N, C-alpha and C. Protein backbone atom coordinates (compact mmCIF):
# COMPACT_ATOMS: atom_id res chain seq x y z
N UNK A 1 0.69 -1.08 -0.01
CA UNK A 1 -0.02 0.08 -0.04
C UNK A 1 0.91 1.34 -0.09
N UNK A 2 2.01 1.35 0.56
CA UNK A 2 3.04 2.28 0.55
C UNK A 2 3.30 2.79 -0.66
N UNK A 3 3.60 1.93 -1.63
CA UNK A 3 3.99 2.03 -2.73
C UNK A 3 3.10 2.75 -3.69
N UNK A 4 1.84 2.51 -3.40
CA UNK A 4 0.66 3.08 -4.14
C UNK A 4 0.60 4.46 -3.74
N UNK A 5 0.67 4.75 -2.45
CA UNK A 5 0.61 6.44 -2.13
C UNK A 5 1.83 7.06 -2.55
N UNK A 6 2.73 6.43 -2.84
CA UNK A 6 4.10 7.21 -3.30
C UNK A 6 3.80 7.72 -4.74
N UNK A 7 3.31 6.57 -5.57
CA UNK A 7 2.98 6.67 -7.00
C UNK A 7 1.72 7.77 -7.17
N UNK A 8 0.72 7.76 -6.40
CA UNK A 8 -0.30 8.81 -6.39
C UNK A 8 0.40 9.96 -6.11
N UNK A 9 1.33 10.33 -4.87
CA UNK A 9 1.68 11.43 -4.88
C UNK A 9 2.54 12.00 -5.77
N UNK A 10 3.35 11.11 -6.37
CA UNK A 10 4.11 11.59 -7.69
C UNK A 10 3.45 12.11 -8.82
N UNK A 11 2.47 11.34 -8.96
CA UNK A 11 1.51 11.52 -10.22
C UNK A 11 0.82 12.94 -9.95
N UNK A 12 0.39 13.39 -8.65
CA UNK A 12 -0.21 14.49 -8.48
C UNK A 12 0.77 15.84 -8.50
N UNK A 13 1.99 15.34 -7.94
CA UNK A 13 3.01 16.34 -8.03
C UNK A 13 3.25 16.87 -9.43
N UNK A 14 3.38 15.75 -10.21
CA UNK A 14 3.84 15.97 -11.97
C UNK A 14 2.65 16.73 -12.43
N UNK A 15 1.38 16.34 -12.23
CA UNK A 15 0.30 17.21 -12.82
C UNK A 15 0.23 18.72 -12.09
N UNK A 16 0.52 18.75 -11.09
CA UNK A 16 0.59 20.30 -10.43
C UNK A 16 1.69 21.02 -11.06
N UNK A 17 2.80 20.37 -11.34
CA UNK A 17 3.95 20.98 -11.99
C UNK A 17 3.56 21.39 -13.47
N UNK A 18 2.88 20.68 -14.27
CA UNK A 18 2.33 20.79 -15.55
C UNK A 18 1.44 21.98 -15.57
N UNK A 19 0.62 21.99 -14.67
CA UNK A 19 -0.47 22.95 -14.68
C UNK A 19 0.05 24.46 -14.36
N UNK A 20 1.02 24.43 -13.53
CA UNK A 20 1.48 25.55 -13.07
C UNK A 20 2.86 26.16 -13.81
N UNK A 21 3.31 25.02 -14.77
CA UNK A 21 4.50 25.33 -15.25
C UNK A 21 4.54 26.67 -16.60
N UNK A 22 5.56 27.41 -16.65
CA UNK A 22 5.55 28.18 -17.80
C UNK A 22 5.71 27.48 -19.15
N UNK A 23 5.68 27.95 -20.33
CA UNK A 23 5.88 27.22 -21.46
C UNK A 23 7.37 26.56 -21.72
N UNK A 24 8.19 27.26 -21.35
CA UNK A 24 9.71 26.96 -21.43
C UNK A 24 9.87 25.54 -20.48
N UNK A 25 9.37 25.79 -19.26
CA UNK A 25 9.30 24.66 -18.41
C UNK A 25 8.78 23.42 -18.93
N UNK A 26 7.54 23.67 -19.61
CA UNK A 26 6.82 22.21 -20.09
C UNK A 26 7.61 21.55 -21.12
N UNK A 27 8.31 22.38 -22.08
CA UNK A 27 9.08 21.70 -22.90
C UNK A 27 10.48 20.96 -22.36
N UNK A 28 10.91 21.61 -21.37
CA UNK A 28 11.95 20.72 -20.61
C UNK A 28 11.51 19.55 -19.98
N UNK A 29 10.22 19.55 -19.41
CA UNK A 29 9.62 18.28 -18.91
C UNK A 29 9.59 17.43 -20.04
N UNK A 30 9.01 17.70 -20.83
CA UNK A 30 9.00 16.81 -22.31
C UNK A 30 10.32 16.13 -22.50
N UNK A 31 11.48 16.98 -22.66
CA UNK A 31 12.63 16.22 -22.78
C UNK A 31 13.09 15.40 -21.71
N UNK A 32 12.90 15.85 -20.44
CA UNK A 32 13.20 15.12 -19.29
C UNK A 32 12.49 13.81 -19.37
N UNK A 33 11.27 13.76 -19.59
CA UNK A 33 10.61 12.66 -19.53
C UNK A 33 11.02 11.65 -20.73
N UNK A 34 11.35 12.17 -21.80
CA UNK A 34 11.56 11.26 -22.88
C UNK A 34 12.85 10.44 -22.70
N UNK A 35 13.92 11.48 -22.19
CA UNK A 35 15.19 10.92 -21.63
C UNK A 35 15.19 9.76 -20.50
N UNK A 36 14.35 10.14 -19.69
CA UNK A 36 14.01 9.14 -18.64
C UNK A 36 13.41 7.75 -19.07
N UNK A 37 12.55 7.88 -20.05
CA UNK A 37 11.98 6.72 -20.66
C UNK A 37 12.96 5.94 -21.45
N UNK A 38 13.80 6.59 -22.13
CA UNK A 38 14.73 5.97 -22.87
C UNK A 38 15.86 5.21 -21.98
N UNK A 39 16.25 5.72 -20.78
CA UNK A 39 17.14 5.14 -19.88
C UNK A 39 16.44 3.88 -19.11
N UNK A 40 15.19 4.08 -19.02
CA UNK A 40 14.61 2.86 -18.29
C UNK A 40 14.53 1.70 -19.26
N UNK A 41 14.33 2.06 -20.69
CA UNK A 41 14.23 1.16 -21.69
C UNK A 41 15.46 0.26 -21.77
N UNK A 42 16.44 1.13 -21.55
CA UNK A 42 17.95 0.51 -21.70
C UNK A 42 18.33 -0.40 -20.27
N UNK A 43 17.68 -0.08 -19.29
CA UNK A 43 17.71 -0.88 -17.99
C UNK A 43 17.09 -2.11 -17.99
N UNK A 44 15.72 -1.93 -18.63
CA UNK A 44 14.83 -2.94 -18.85
C UNK A 44 15.33 -3.93 -19.79
N UNK A 45 15.88 -3.74 -20.95
CA UNK A 45 16.66 -4.60 -21.75
C UNK A 45 17.78 -5.11 -21.24
N UNK A 46 18.62 -4.44 -20.40
CA UNK A 46 19.68 -5.32 -19.74
C UNK A 46 19.13 -6.36 -18.76
N UNK A 47 18.07 -6.06 -18.25
CA UNK A 47 17.58 -6.94 -17.20
C UNK A 47 16.61 -7.91 -18.15
N UNK A 48 16.67 -7.85 -19.50
CA UNK A 48 15.71 -8.95 -20.31
C UNK A 48 14.42 -8.83 -19.98
N UNK A 49 13.93 -7.69 -19.61
CA UNK A 49 12.54 -7.64 -19.29
C UNK A 49 11.92 -6.72 -20.72
N UNK A 50 11.77 -7.50 -21.59
CA UNK A 50 11.51 -7.22 -22.84
C UNK A 50 9.96 -6.47 -22.95
N UNK A 51 9.07 -6.89 -22.23
CA UNK A 51 7.86 -6.01 -22.62
C UNK A 51 7.93 -4.58 -21.86
N UNK A 52 8.67 -4.71 -20.50
CA UNK A 52 8.76 -3.34 -19.95
C UNK A 52 9.82 -2.59 -20.87
N UNK A 53 10.74 -2.99 -21.58
CA UNK A 53 11.52 -2.10 -22.58
C UNK A 53 10.48 -1.61 -23.58
N UNK A 54 9.80 -2.34 -23.93
CA UNK A 54 8.74 -1.96 -25.32
C UNK A 54 7.80 -0.78 -24.62
N UNK A 55 7.40 -0.91 -23.37
CA UNK A 55 6.41 -0.06 -22.80
C UNK A 55 7.17 1.34 -22.57
N UNK A 56 8.59 1.35 -22.35
CA UNK A 56 9.38 2.41 -22.08
C UNK A 56 9.60 3.26 -23.23
N UNK A 57 10.04 2.47 -24.38
CA UNK A 57 10.26 2.92 -25.64
C UNK A 57 9.14 3.65 -26.16
N UNK A 58 7.94 2.88 -25.90
CA UNK A 58 6.74 3.51 -26.67
C UNK A 58 6.49 4.72 -25.88
N UNK A 59 6.58 4.98 -24.48
CA UNK A 59 6.63 6.07 -23.78
C UNK A 59 7.42 7.25 -24.27
N UNK A 60 8.88 7.05 -24.59
CA UNK A 60 9.62 7.93 -25.15
C UNK A 60 9.00 8.42 -26.58
N UNK A 61 8.80 7.44 -27.40
CA UNK A 61 7.94 7.92 -28.78
C UNK A 61 6.90 8.60 -28.66
N UNK A 62 6.06 8.53 -27.68
CA UNK A 62 5.03 9.22 -27.33
C UNK A 62 5.31 10.69 -26.99
N UNK A 63 6.22 10.77 -26.16
CA UNK A 63 6.75 12.23 -25.61
C UNK A 63 7.32 12.98 -26.89
N UNK A 64 8.03 12.10 -27.67
CA UNK A 64 8.79 12.85 -28.78
C UNK A 64 7.86 13.35 -29.69
N UNK A 65 6.95 12.46 -30.11
CA UNK A 65 6.05 12.56 -31.37
C UNK A 65 4.76 13.31 -30.79
N UNK A 66 4.30 13.05 -29.94
CA UNK A 66 2.98 13.88 -29.53
C UNK A 66 3.35 15.17 -28.64
N UNK A 67 4.55 15.10 -28.09
CA UNK A 67 4.71 16.24 -27.19
C UNK A 67 5.77 17.30 -27.80
N UNK A 68 7.00 16.74 -28.01
CA UNK A 68 7.80 17.72 -28.70
C UNK A 68 7.58 18.16 -30.11
N UNK A 69 7.56 17.12 -31.00
CA UNK A 69 7.24 17.35 -32.38
C UNK A 69 5.92 18.09 -32.56
N UNK A 70 4.90 17.69 -31.77
CA UNK A 70 3.59 18.35 -32.05
C UNK A 70 3.46 19.79 -31.55
N UNK A 71 4.42 20.09 -30.60
CA UNK A 71 4.51 21.35 -30.19
C UNK A 71 5.39 22.46 -31.05
N UNK A 72 5.95 22.02 -32.18
CA UNK A 72 6.74 22.71 -32.81
C UNK A 72 5.67 23.78 -33.56
N UNK A 73 6.06 25.07 -33.79
CA UNK A 73 5.23 25.94 -34.42
C UNK A 73 5.73 26.50 -35.58
N UNK A 74 5.46 26.29 -36.68
CA UNK A 74 6.13 26.68 -37.92
C UNK A 74 5.87 28.14 -38.35
N UNK A 75 4.97 28.69 -37.86
CA UNK A 75 4.29 30.11 -38.31
C UNK A 75 5.41 31.30 -38.30
N UNK A 76 6.38 31.01 -37.34
CA UNK A 76 7.45 32.01 -37.27
C UNK A 76 8.61 31.70 -38.16
N UNK A 77 9.20 30.66 -38.31
CA UNK A 77 10.08 30.41 -39.24
C UNK A 77 10.07 28.82 -39.73
N UNK A 78 9.26 28.78 -41.07
CA UNK A 78 8.86 27.47 -41.18
C UNK A 78 10.22 26.78 -41.56
N UNK A 79 11.33 27.24 -42.15
CA UNK A 79 12.43 26.22 -42.29
C UNK A 79 13.19 25.62 -41.17
N UNK A 80 13.30 26.51 -40.12
CA UNK A 80 13.89 26.15 -38.77
C UNK A 80 12.81 24.95 -38.13
N UNK A 81 11.60 25.43 -38.25
CA UNK A 81 10.61 24.21 -37.58
C UNK A 81 10.59 23.08 -38.24
N UNK A 82 10.76 23.25 -39.67
CA UNK A 82 10.82 22.00 -40.60
C UNK A 82 12.10 21.03 -40.11
N UNK A 83 13.09 21.77 -40.10
CA UNK A 83 14.28 20.80 -39.55
C UNK A 83 14.22 20.26 -38.20
N UNK A 84 13.39 20.91 -37.24
CA UNK A 84 13.29 20.47 -35.83
C UNK A 84 12.39 19.23 -35.99
N UNK A 85 11.17 19.35 -36.69
CA UNK A 85 10.30 18.20 -36.91
C UNK A 85 11.20 17.10 -37.43
N UNK A 86 11.81 17.39 -38.50
CA UNK A 86 12.75 16.17 -39.10
C UNK A 86 13.31 15.66 -38.21
N UNK A 87 14.19 16.13 -37.35
CA UNK A 87 15.05 15.81 -36.07
C UNK A 87 14.09 14.98 -35.09
N UNK A 88 13.05 15.18 -34.93
CA UNK A 88 11.90 14.50 -33.99
C UNK A 88 11.63 13.33 -34.59
N UNK A 89 11.45 13.43 -36.01
CA UNK A 89 11.02 12.19 -36.84
C UNK A 89 12.22 11.09 -36.99
N UNK A 90 13.27 11.80 -36.90
CA UNK A 90 14.41 10.80 -37.08
C UNK A 90 14.76 10.11 -35.71
N UNK A 91 14.54 10.94 -34.64
CA UNK A 91 14.53 10.15 -33.37
C UNK A 91 13.66 9.16 -33.06
N UNK A 92 12.32 9.54 -33.74
CA UNK A 92 11.35 8.39 -33.37
C UNK A 92 11.67 7.24 -34.41
N UNK A 93 12.01 7.32 -35.39
CA UNK A 93 12.66 6.24 -36.29
C UNK A 93 13.55 5.43 -35.62
N UNK A 94 14.55 5.96 -34.93
CA UNK A 94 15.75 5.45 -34.14
C UNK A 94 15.06 4.51 -32.89
N UNK A 95 13.99 5.11 -32.46
CA UNK A 95 13.50 4.53 -31.19
C UNK A 95 12.69 3.26 -31.69
N UNK A 96 11.97 3.41 -32.80
CA UNK A 96 11.41 2.36 -33.40
C UNK A 96 12.37 1.26 -33.57
N UNK A 97 13.67 1.52 -34.16
CA UNK A 97 14.50 0.63 -34.71
C UNK A 97 15.11 -0.14 -33.55
N UNK A 98 15.31 0.80 -32.22
CA UNK A 98 15.81 0.33 -31.08
C UNK A 98 14.74 -0.87 -30.43
N UNK A 99 13.72 -0.51 -30.58
CA UNK A 99 12.76 -1.53 -29.98
C UNK A 99 12.61 -2.77 -30.98
N UNK A 100 12.59 -2.76 -32.03
CA UNK A 100 12.38 -3.73 -32.76
C UNK A 100 13.75 -4.56 -32.88
N UNK A 101 14.88 -4.10 -32.61
CA UNK A 101 16.07 -4.83 -32.67
C UNK A 101 16.78 -5.01 -31.53
N UNK A 102 16.11 -4.51 -30.57
CA UNK A 102 16.92 -4.49 -29.00
C UNK A 102 18.14 -3.67 -28.99
N UNK A 103 18.16 -2.64 -29.82
CA UNK A 103 19.31 -1.95 -30.25
C UNK A 103 19.73 -0.72 -29.19
N UNK A 104 20.79 -1.14 -28.35
CA UNK A 104 21.18 -0.20 -27.42
C UNK A 104 21.64 1.26 -27.82
N UNK A 105 22.59 1.03 -29.21
CA UNK A 105 23.29 2.03 -29.82
C UNK A 105 22.26 3.14 -30.47
N UNK A 106 21.21 2.56 -30.99
CA UNK A 106 19.89 3.23 -31.30
C UNK A 106 19.37 4.15 -30.00
N UNK A 107 19.36 3.58 -29.06
CA UNK A 107 18.52 4.15 -28.01
C UNK A 107 19.54 5.44 -27.53
N UNK A 108 20.76 4.90 -27.50
CA UNK A 108 21.84 6.11 -27.14
C UNK A 108 21.92 7.21 -28.03
N UNK A 109 21.81 6.82 -29.42
CA UNK A 109 21.75 7.81 -30.34
C UNK A 109 20.60 8.93 -30.10
N UNK A 110 19.59 8.30 -29.83
CA UNK A 110 18.06 9.02 -29.70
C UNK A 110 18.33 10.01 -28.54
N UNK A 111 18.81 9.34 -27.39
CA UNK A 111 19.06 10.19 -26.13
C UNK A 111 20.20 11.14 -26.48
N UNK A 112 21.22 10.93 -27.11
CA UNK A 112 22.38 11.90 -27.40
C UNK A 112 21.49 13.18 -27.99
N UNK A 113 20.79 12.83 -29.16
CA UNK A 113 20.26 13.88 -29.65
C UNK A 113 19.08 14.66 -28.97
N UNK A 114 18.44 13.76 -28.18
CA UNK A 114 17.48 14.69 -27.29
C UNK A 114 18.04 15.46 -26.10
N UNK A 115 19.17 14.82 -25.72
CA UNK A 115 19.95 15.61 -24.71
C UNK A 115 20.80 16.80 -25.18
N UNK A 116 21.19 16.86 -26.43
CA UNK A 116 21.62 17.98 -27.09
C UNK A 116 20.67 19.14 -27.04
N UNK A 117 19.49 18.93 -27.78
CA UNK A 117 18.48 19.84 -27.70
C UNK A 117 18.06 20.37 -26.42
N UNK A 118 18.02 19.20 -25.34
CA UNK A 118 17.58 19.78 -24.02
C UNK A 118 18.63 20.80 -23.59
N UNK A 119 19.79 20.56 -23.71
CA UNK A 119 20.89 21.40 -23.14
C UNK A 119 20.72 22.81 -23.97
N UNK A 120 20.48 22.99 -25.17
CA UNK A 120 20.19 24.18 -26.10
C UNK A 120 19.06 24.81 -25.27
N UNK A 121 17.89 23.96 -25.09
CA UNK A 121 16.84 24.75 -24.43
C UNK A 121 17.16 25.12 -23.08
N UNK A 122 17.99 24.73 -22.35
CA UNK A 122 18.38 24.92 -20.99
C UNK A 122 19.00 26.41 -21.11
N UNK A 123 19.97 26.35 -22.23
CA UNK A 123 20.67 27.60 -22.30
C UNK A 123 19.83 28.77 -22.67
N UNK A 124 18.96 28.69 -23.28
CA UNK A 124 17.89 29.92 -23.68
C UNK A 124 17.02 30.10 -22.47
N UNK A 125 16.73 29.44 -21.51
CA UNK A 125 15.92 29.48 -20.14
C UNK A 125 16.23 30.96 -19.75
N UNK A 126 17.19 31.44 -19.17
CA UNK A 126 17.28 32.81 -18.39
C UNK A 126 16.78 33.98 -19.63
N UNK A 127 17.14 33.64 -20.82
CA UNK A 127 16.84 34.72 -21.83
C UNK A 127 15.35 34.80 -21.92
N UNK A 128 14.58 33.69 -21.90
CA UNK A 128 13.23 33.51 -21.78
C UNK A 128 12.54 34.42 -20.58
N UNK A 129 13.12 34.07 -19.71
CA UNK A 129 12.50 34.58 -18.25
C UNK A 129 12.53 36.00 -18.41
N UNK A 130 13.96 36.54 -18.93
CA UNK A 130 14.05 37.97 -19.06
C UNK A 130 13.08 38.73 -19.95
N UNK A 131 12.81 37.97 -21.04
CA UNK A 131 11.93 38.60 -22.09
C UNK A 131 10.75 38.56 -21.48
N UNK A 132 10.24 37.65 -20.78
CA UNK A 132 8.86 37.41 -20.20
C UNK A 132 8.73 38.42 -19.25
N UNK A 133 9.87 38.74 -18.49
CA UNK A 133 9.70 39.53 -17.12
C UNK A 133 9.76 41.16 -17.74
N UNK A 134 10.69 41.45 -18.48
CA UNK A 134 10.85 42.68 -19.14
C UNK A 134 10.61 42.89 -20.45
N UNK A 135 9.54 42.83 -21.03
CA UNK A 135 9.29 42.77 -22.43
C UNK A 135 9.69 44.15 -23.08
N UNK A 136 9.70 45.01 -22.61
CA UNK A 136 10.22 46.35 -22.82
C UNK A 136 11.64 46.23 -23.35
N UNK A 137 12.61 45.55 -22.87
CA UNK A 137 14.08 45.43 -22.93
C UNK A 137 14.24 44.20 -24.03
N UNK A 138 13.25 43.61 -24.69
CA UNK A 138 13.55 42.67 -25.55
C UNK A 138 14.11 43.04 -26.74
N UNK A 139 14.29 44.27 -27.00
CA UNK A 139 14.92 44.76 -28.19
C UNK A 139 16.17 44.81 -27.96
N UNK A 140 16.92 44.64 -26.81
CA UNK A 140 18.29 44.50 -26.34
C UNK A 140 18.60 43.07 -27.03
N UNK A 141 19.43 43.07 -28.00
CA UNK A 141 19.84 41.96 -28.63
C UNK A 141 21.06 41.23 -27.71
N UNK A 142 21.69 41.56 -26.82
CA UNK A 142 22.51 40.67 -26.00
C UNK A 142 21.51 40.09 -25.28
N UNK A 143 20.56 40.55 -24.66
CA UNK A 143 19.56 39.92 -23.57
C UNK A 143 18.77 39.00 -24.31
N UNK A 144 18.19 39.21 -25.51
CA UNK A 144 17.41 38.52 -26.19
C UNK A 144 18.01 37.20 -26.93
N UNK A 145 17.31 36.32 -26.69
CA UNK A 145 17.50 34.84 -27.39
C UNK A 145 17.15 34.72 -28.69
N UNK A 146 17.99 33.68 -29.29
CA UNK A 146 17.71 33.48 -30.94
C UNK A 146 15.96 33.62 -31.01
N UNK A 147 15.49 34.14 -31.69
CA UNK A 147 13.94 34.31 -31.82
C UNK A 147 13.41 32.93 -32.39
N UNK A 148 14.22 32.49 -33.29
CA UNK A 148 13.96 31.24 -33.98
C UNK A 148 13.67 30.11 -32.90
N UNK A 149 14.61 29.91 -31.99
CA UNK A 149 14.51 29.04 -30.86
C UNK A 149 13.22 29.21 -30.05
N UNK A 150 13.30 30.45 -29.68
CA UNK A 150 11.83 30.81 -28.82
C UNK A 150 10.80 30.65 -29.36
N UNK A 151 10.46 30.83 -30.71
CA UNK A 151 9.28 30.80 -31.38
C UNK A 151 9.04 29.44 -32.08
N UNK A 152 10.06 28.47 -31.97
CA UNK A 152 9.93 27.37 -32.32
C UNK A 152 8.76 26.49 -31.84
N UNK A 153 8.45 26.77 -30.57
CA UNK A 153 7.37 25.82 -29.78
C UNK A 153 6.27 26.63 -29.59
N UNK A 154 4.99 25.96 -29.57
CA UNK A 154 3.92 26.79 -29.44
C UNK A 154 3.14 25.81 -28.30
N UNK A 155 3.40 26.25 -26.95
CA UNK A 155 2.84 25.38 -25.81
C UNK A 155 2.07 26.44 -24.94
C-alpha cells in the first residue's frame, strides 16, 4: 500500500507541475520525460524485461512525437521548424528501430540528440525569463535569445 501512496503523490506532483509550469518549463519536462523513458528502456533491456522495455520505448516515442514534435510552431520560421520536426522524426525512427532490434546504440543515439536539444533549451531559459519579465527590454540584442528557438514551440 505504501508504494501506491508514493505513486499517487508523484502523479499529483507532476500534474501540479504541468498545470503551473511556464511554456519553457513544459518543453523541458518533455525532454526529461523522454530521456528518462529511454534510460528505463535500456535498463529493462539489460534485465531482459522485454515487455517493460517496449513500454518504456513507446512512452519515449509518445513524448517525442505527440509532445515535442507536435508542439513545434512553424508560423514564425517554417524552415527552422521543419528541420526540428525532421530531427524529431529521426529520433522516433531510431527508437522504433531500437525497439524492434533491441539496439542499445539506437537508444543512445536518440538520447544524445534529445540531450543536446535539451541542453540548448536550458541555455535559452534565462533569456526567456528575461523577455517575459521585462518585455520592454526585448529589443536588447544581447539579452534576447535567438527568436527562431524561442518561437519554435507553441505551448
